[in-house]
């Protein structure tokens, strides 16, 4: 009996995990809409740009990267959040502009 209970518990855990994985990868709950006008390649490119900028912001010790939100739509980057001053905002914008694939940067950073 304990072996059967263990097997059923293990099977249920695997099934629940697989169900959650499909929800996460499909973007359910994240505000993702498959109907946002971008192709899958454009979404991947935008995600890569956002990731690259986030990594560069974290690497720059003068920028409080956790307070800066980066979003990308078809190569157009928007920076939002709060930074200590104008020079830090300018540095974050310069990092975003220097990222390959970026077409424009909207600076919505507050200080």
Foldseek 3Di string as FASTA:
>chain_A
DVVVVVVVVVVVVVVVVVVVVVCVVVCPPPPDDPPPPDDPVQVVVQVVLQVQLLVVQVVPPQWPSVQWHWGDDQQEIEIEGETDDDVNLVVSLVSSVPGPSHPYYHYHYHD
